Amino acid sequence: NFASGRFQVVRMIGEGGMAQVYECLDTKLKRRVAVKCFRPATVNPRFLVRWQREAEIHSRLQHPGIVALHDYFTERQVPFMVQELVSGGTLRTLMKAQELNHMQWAVLIRDIASAVAYAHDNGVLHLDLKPTNILLVRHSLPIRSADDSVIPTIPYSPKITDFGLARLVDNNSDLSASQLFAGTPIYMPPER
């Protein structure tokens, strides 16, 4: 349990080098959320500054293609982030499954690009966009329009997550090469 019992762990849903992610029940708001718990070994004053910056940047973004950040807090000097629960897997898993046709991939990529464009329009560069940082919402029923016609769609909606390396920019700023050299090398554009 986290935050004095407010978040009750249901199960671990992910793990990386710096954190573990748990599906939790938010007992106050009666909903399921994802709680990202950073490993105590990674926590130092510099990390806490980066973590706070990540939360502030992420909280600026409210778009259907971006995982919602609900809250962040520390408990016993361990940082936590409370996010929207997205339980349809990752883009990486979908790529391996090869279940979409070319048109469906085009729609999925269009939706990812729309979320990235929204972030850019709000002065945020993600800098670590890769298949494991794109979560999927699985749709069980076709989406219907207001006139009740079925909208051609794919069975997934993408949601971008993990803004740990994100940077804020504005029209007057000029990020240095070292500020832009962040991310996972195999997913960086060649010019970087």
Protein backbone atom coordinates (compact mmCIF):
# COMPACT_ATOMS: atom_id res chain seq x y z
CA ASN A 1 0.00 0.00 0.00
CA PHE A 2 1.11 3.55 -0.78
CA ALA A 3 0.16 6.98 0.56
CA SER A 4 -1.05 5.73 3.93
CA GLY A 5 -3.18 3.03 2.35
CA ARG A 6 -4.90 5.20 -0.25
CA PHE A 7 -3.48 3.08 -3.09
CA GLN A 8 -3.90 -0.65 -2.62
CA VAL A 9 -1.72 -2.82 -4.86
CA VAL A 10 -3.60 -5.20 -7.14
CA ARG A 11 -0.60 -6.48 -9.11
CA MET A 12 2.70 -5.43 -10.66
CA ILE A 13 2.18 -4.58 -14.34
CA GLY A 14 5.62 -3.41 -15.41
CA GLU A 15 9.22 -3.08 -14.41
CA GLY A 16 12.18 -1.15 -15.73
CA GLY A 17 15.63 -0.16 -14.61
CA MET A 18 14.45 2.76 -12.48
CA ALA A 19 10.91 1.87 -11.42
CA GLN A 20 8.16 -0.66 -10.99
CA VAL A 21 4.58 0.02 -12.05
CA TYR A 22 1.63 -1.39 -10.13
CA GLU A 23 -2.05 -1.58 -10.89
CA CYS A 24 -3.64 -0.14 -7.76
CA LEU A 25 -7.06 0.63 -6.41
CA ASP A 26 -7.40 4.28 -5.43
CA THR A 27 -9.56 3.82 -2.34
CA LYS A 28 -10.41 7.54 -2.16
CA LEU A 29 -11.71 7.93 -5.72
CA LYS A 30 -12.75 4.29 -6.18
CA ARG A 31 -10.91 3.74 -9.44
CA ARG A 32 -8.01 1.66 -10.74
CA VAL A 33 -4.80 3.53 -11.52
CA ALA A 34 -1.19 2.82 -12.40
CA VAL A 35 1.29 3.79 -9.69
CA LYS A 36 4.92 4.15 -10.76
CA CYS A 37 7.23 3.50 -7.81
CA PHE A 38 10.84 4.51 -8.30
CA ARG A 39 13.55 2.25 -6.90
CA PRO A 40 15.11 3.73 -3.74
CA ALA A 41 18.61 3.03 -5.14
CA THR A 42 17.96 5.51 -8.00
CA VAL A 43 16.83 8.31 -5.69
CA ASN A 44 19.25 11.16 -4.98
CA PRO A 45 18.80 14.96 -4.93
CA ARG A 46 19.51 15.27 -8.68
CA PHE A 47 17.00 12.52 -9.49
CA LEU A 48 14.32 14.21 -7.35
CA VAL A 49 14.74 17.42 -9.37
CA ARG A 50 14.37 15.45 -12.63
CA TRP A 51 11.35 13.55 -11.25
CA GLN A 52 9.61 16.78 -10.23
CA ARG A 53 10.35 18.26 -13.67
CA GLU A 54 8.92 15.13 -15.35
CA ALA A 55 5.71 15.44 -13.32
CA GLU A 56 5.36 19.15 -14.09
CA ILE A 57 5.93 18.62 -17.82
CA HIS A 58 3.61 15.61 -17.99
CA SER A 59 0.85 17.43 -16.09
CA ARG A 60 0.73 20.13 -18.81
CA LEU A 61 -0.42 17.57 -21.37
CA GLN A 62 -4.08 16.59 -21.52
CA HIS A 63 -4.79 14.73 -24.72
CA PRO A 64 -6.55 11.42 -25.48
CA GLY A 65 -3.27 10.12 -26.95
CA ILE A 66 -1.22 10.81 -23.81
CA VAL A 67 -1.45 8.87 -20.55
CA ALA A 68 -3.02 11.16 -17.93
CA LEU A 69 -0.97 12.03 -14.87
CA HIS A 70 -3.27 12.19 -11.82
CA ASP A 71 -0.81 12.95 -9.02
CA TYR A 72 2.72 12.54 -7.73
CA PHE A 73 4.09 12.32 -4.20
CA THR A 74 6.93 11.03 -2.06
CA GLU A 75 6.59 8.56 0.77
CA ARG A 76 9.54 7.63 2.95
CA GLN A 77 11.73 9.54 0.48
CA VAL A 78 10.60 7.34 -2.43
CA PRO A 79 8.92 9.13 -5.35
CA PHE A 80 5.64 7.88 -6.85
CA MET A 81 3.55 8.90 -9.87
CA VAL A 82 -0.16 8.12 -10.14
CA GLN A 83 -1.29 7.74 -13.73
CA GLU A 84 -4.22 6.59 -15.81
CA LEU A 85 -4.32 2.79 -16.01
CA VAL A 86 -3.79 1.63 -19.60
CA SER A 87 -4.01 -2.14 -19.79
CA GLY A 88 -3.84 -3.05 -23.49
CA GLY A 89 -0.09 -3.69 -23.67
CA THR A 90 2.58 -1.75 -25.55
CA LEU A 91 3.17 -0.91 -29.17
CA ARG A 92 6.19 -3.23 -29.04
CA THR A 93 3.97 -6.19 -28.13
CA LEU A 94 1.54 -5.28 -30.92
CA MET A 95 4.39 -5.06 -33.43
CA LYS A 96 5.48 -8.59 -32.52
CA ALA A 97 1.91 -9.92 -32.82
CA GLN A 98 1.59 -8.60 -36.41
CA GLU A 99 -2.22 -8.53 -36.20
CA LEU A 100 -2.86 -5.23 -38.00
CA ASN A 101 -3.03 -4.60 -41.74
CA HIS A 102 -1.31 -1.67 -43.47
CA MET A 103 -4.34 0.63 -43.22
CA GLN A 104 -4.73 -0.08 -39.52
CA TRP A 105 -1.03 0.68 -38.96
CA ALA A 106 -1.48 3.96 -40.82
CA VAL A 107 -4.36 4.94 -38.52
CA LEU A 108 -2.36 3.98 -35.42
CA ILE A 109 0.69 5.98 -36.55
CA ARG A 110 -1.58 8.94 -37.40
CA ASP A 111 -2.97 8.86 -33.85
CA ILE A 112 0.53 8.70 -32.32
CA ALA A 113 1.64 11.60 -34.54
CA SER A 114 -1.38 13.62 -33.41
CA ALA A 115 -0.40 13.18 -29.75
CA VAL A 116 3.24 14.08 -30.49
CA ALA A 117 2.10 17.18 -32.42
CA TYR A 118 -0.07 18.21 -29.45
CA ALA A 119 2.94 17.86 -27.12
CA HIS A 120 5.08 19.93 -29.50
CA ASP A 121 2.36 22.57 -29.77
CA ASN A 122 2.51 22.81 -25.97
CA GLY A 123 6.29 23.20 -25.92
CA VAL A 124 7.17 19.62 -24.93
CA LEU A 125 9.74 17.40 -26.66
CA HIS A 126 9.44 13.78 -25.47
CA LEU A 127 12.99 12.70 -26.51
CA ASP A 128 12.42 8.99 -25.77
CA LEU A 129 9.56 8.01 -28.04
CA LYS A 130 9.78 4.26 -28.68
CA PRO A 131 7.40 1.29 -28.89
CA THR A 132 7.65 0.47 -25.16
CA ASN A 133 6.65 4.06 -24.30
CA ILE A 134 3.43 3.82 -26.29
CA LEU A 135 0.69 2.02 -24.38
CA LEU A 136 -2.50 0.73 -25.96
CA VAL A 137 -6.15 0.89 -25.01
CA ARG A 138 -7.97 -2.11 -26.49
CA HIS A 139 -11.49 -1.49 -27.81
CA SER A 140 -13.90 -4.38 -27.50
CA LEU A 141 -16.69 -2.79 -29.55
CA PRO A 142 -16.61 -0.71 -32.73
CA ILE A 143 -16.77 3.02 -32.20
CA ARG A 144 -20.05 4.65 -33.30
CA SER A 145 -20.61 8.18 -34.48
CA ALA A 146 -23.34 10.56 -33.31
CA ASP A 147 -25.66 9.33 -36.11
CA ASP A 148 -25.05 5.73 -34.92
CA SER A 149 -22.99 4.70 -37.95
CA VAL A 150 -19.90 2.59 -37.28
CA ILE A 151 -16.67 4.54 -37.66
CA PRO A 152 -13.90 2.57 -39.41
CA THR A 153 -11.31 2.07 -36.72
CA ILE A 154 -8.64 -0.17 -35.34
CA PRO A 155 -9.00 -2.19 -32.15
CA TYR A 156 -6.46 0.02 -30.30
CA SER A 157 -5.89 3.61 -29.30
CA PRO A 158 -2.30 4.61 -28.53
CA LYS A 159 -1.25 6.60 -25.47
CA ILE A 160 2.22 8.06 -25.03
CA THR A 161 3.85 7.64 -21.62
CA ASP A 162 7.21 8.14 -19.82
CA PHE A 163 8.15 11.81 -19.97
CA GLY A 164 11.31 11.28 -17.90
CA LEU A 165 13.60 12.72 -20.59
CA ALA A 166 11.16 15.34 -21.91
CA ARG A 167 12.26 18.94 -22.32
CA LEU A 168 10.29 22.17 -22.41
CA VAL A 169 10.94 24.53 -25.29
CA ASP A 170 9.45 27.79 -26.42
CA ASN A 171 9.74 29.73 -29.63
CA ASN A 172 12.67 31.74 -28.27
CA SER A 173 14.72 28.92 -26.76
CA ASP A 174 17.54 27.04 -28.40
CA LEU A 175 18.31 23.66 -26.90
CA SER A 176 21.95 22.62 -27.01
CA ALA A 177 23.04 19.38 -28.65
CA SER A 178 23.72 17.87 -25.22
CA GLN A 179 20.18 18.67 -24.08
CA LEU A 180 18.78 16.97 -27.17
CA PHE A 181 21.07 13.94 -26.95
CA ALA A 182 18.84 11.91 -24.71
CA GLY A 183 16.82 8.79 -25.26
CA THR A 184 17.32 5.28 -26.55
CA PRO A 185 19.96 5.29 -29.31
CA ILE A 186 18.26 2.78 -31.66
CA TYR A 187 15.12 4.97 -31.74
CA MET A 188 16.91 8.28 -32.30
CA PRO A 189 16.87 9.93 -35.72
CA PRO A 190 20.21 9.53 -37.56
CA GLU A 191 21.07 13.22 -37.27
CA ARG A 192 21.15 12.89 -33.48
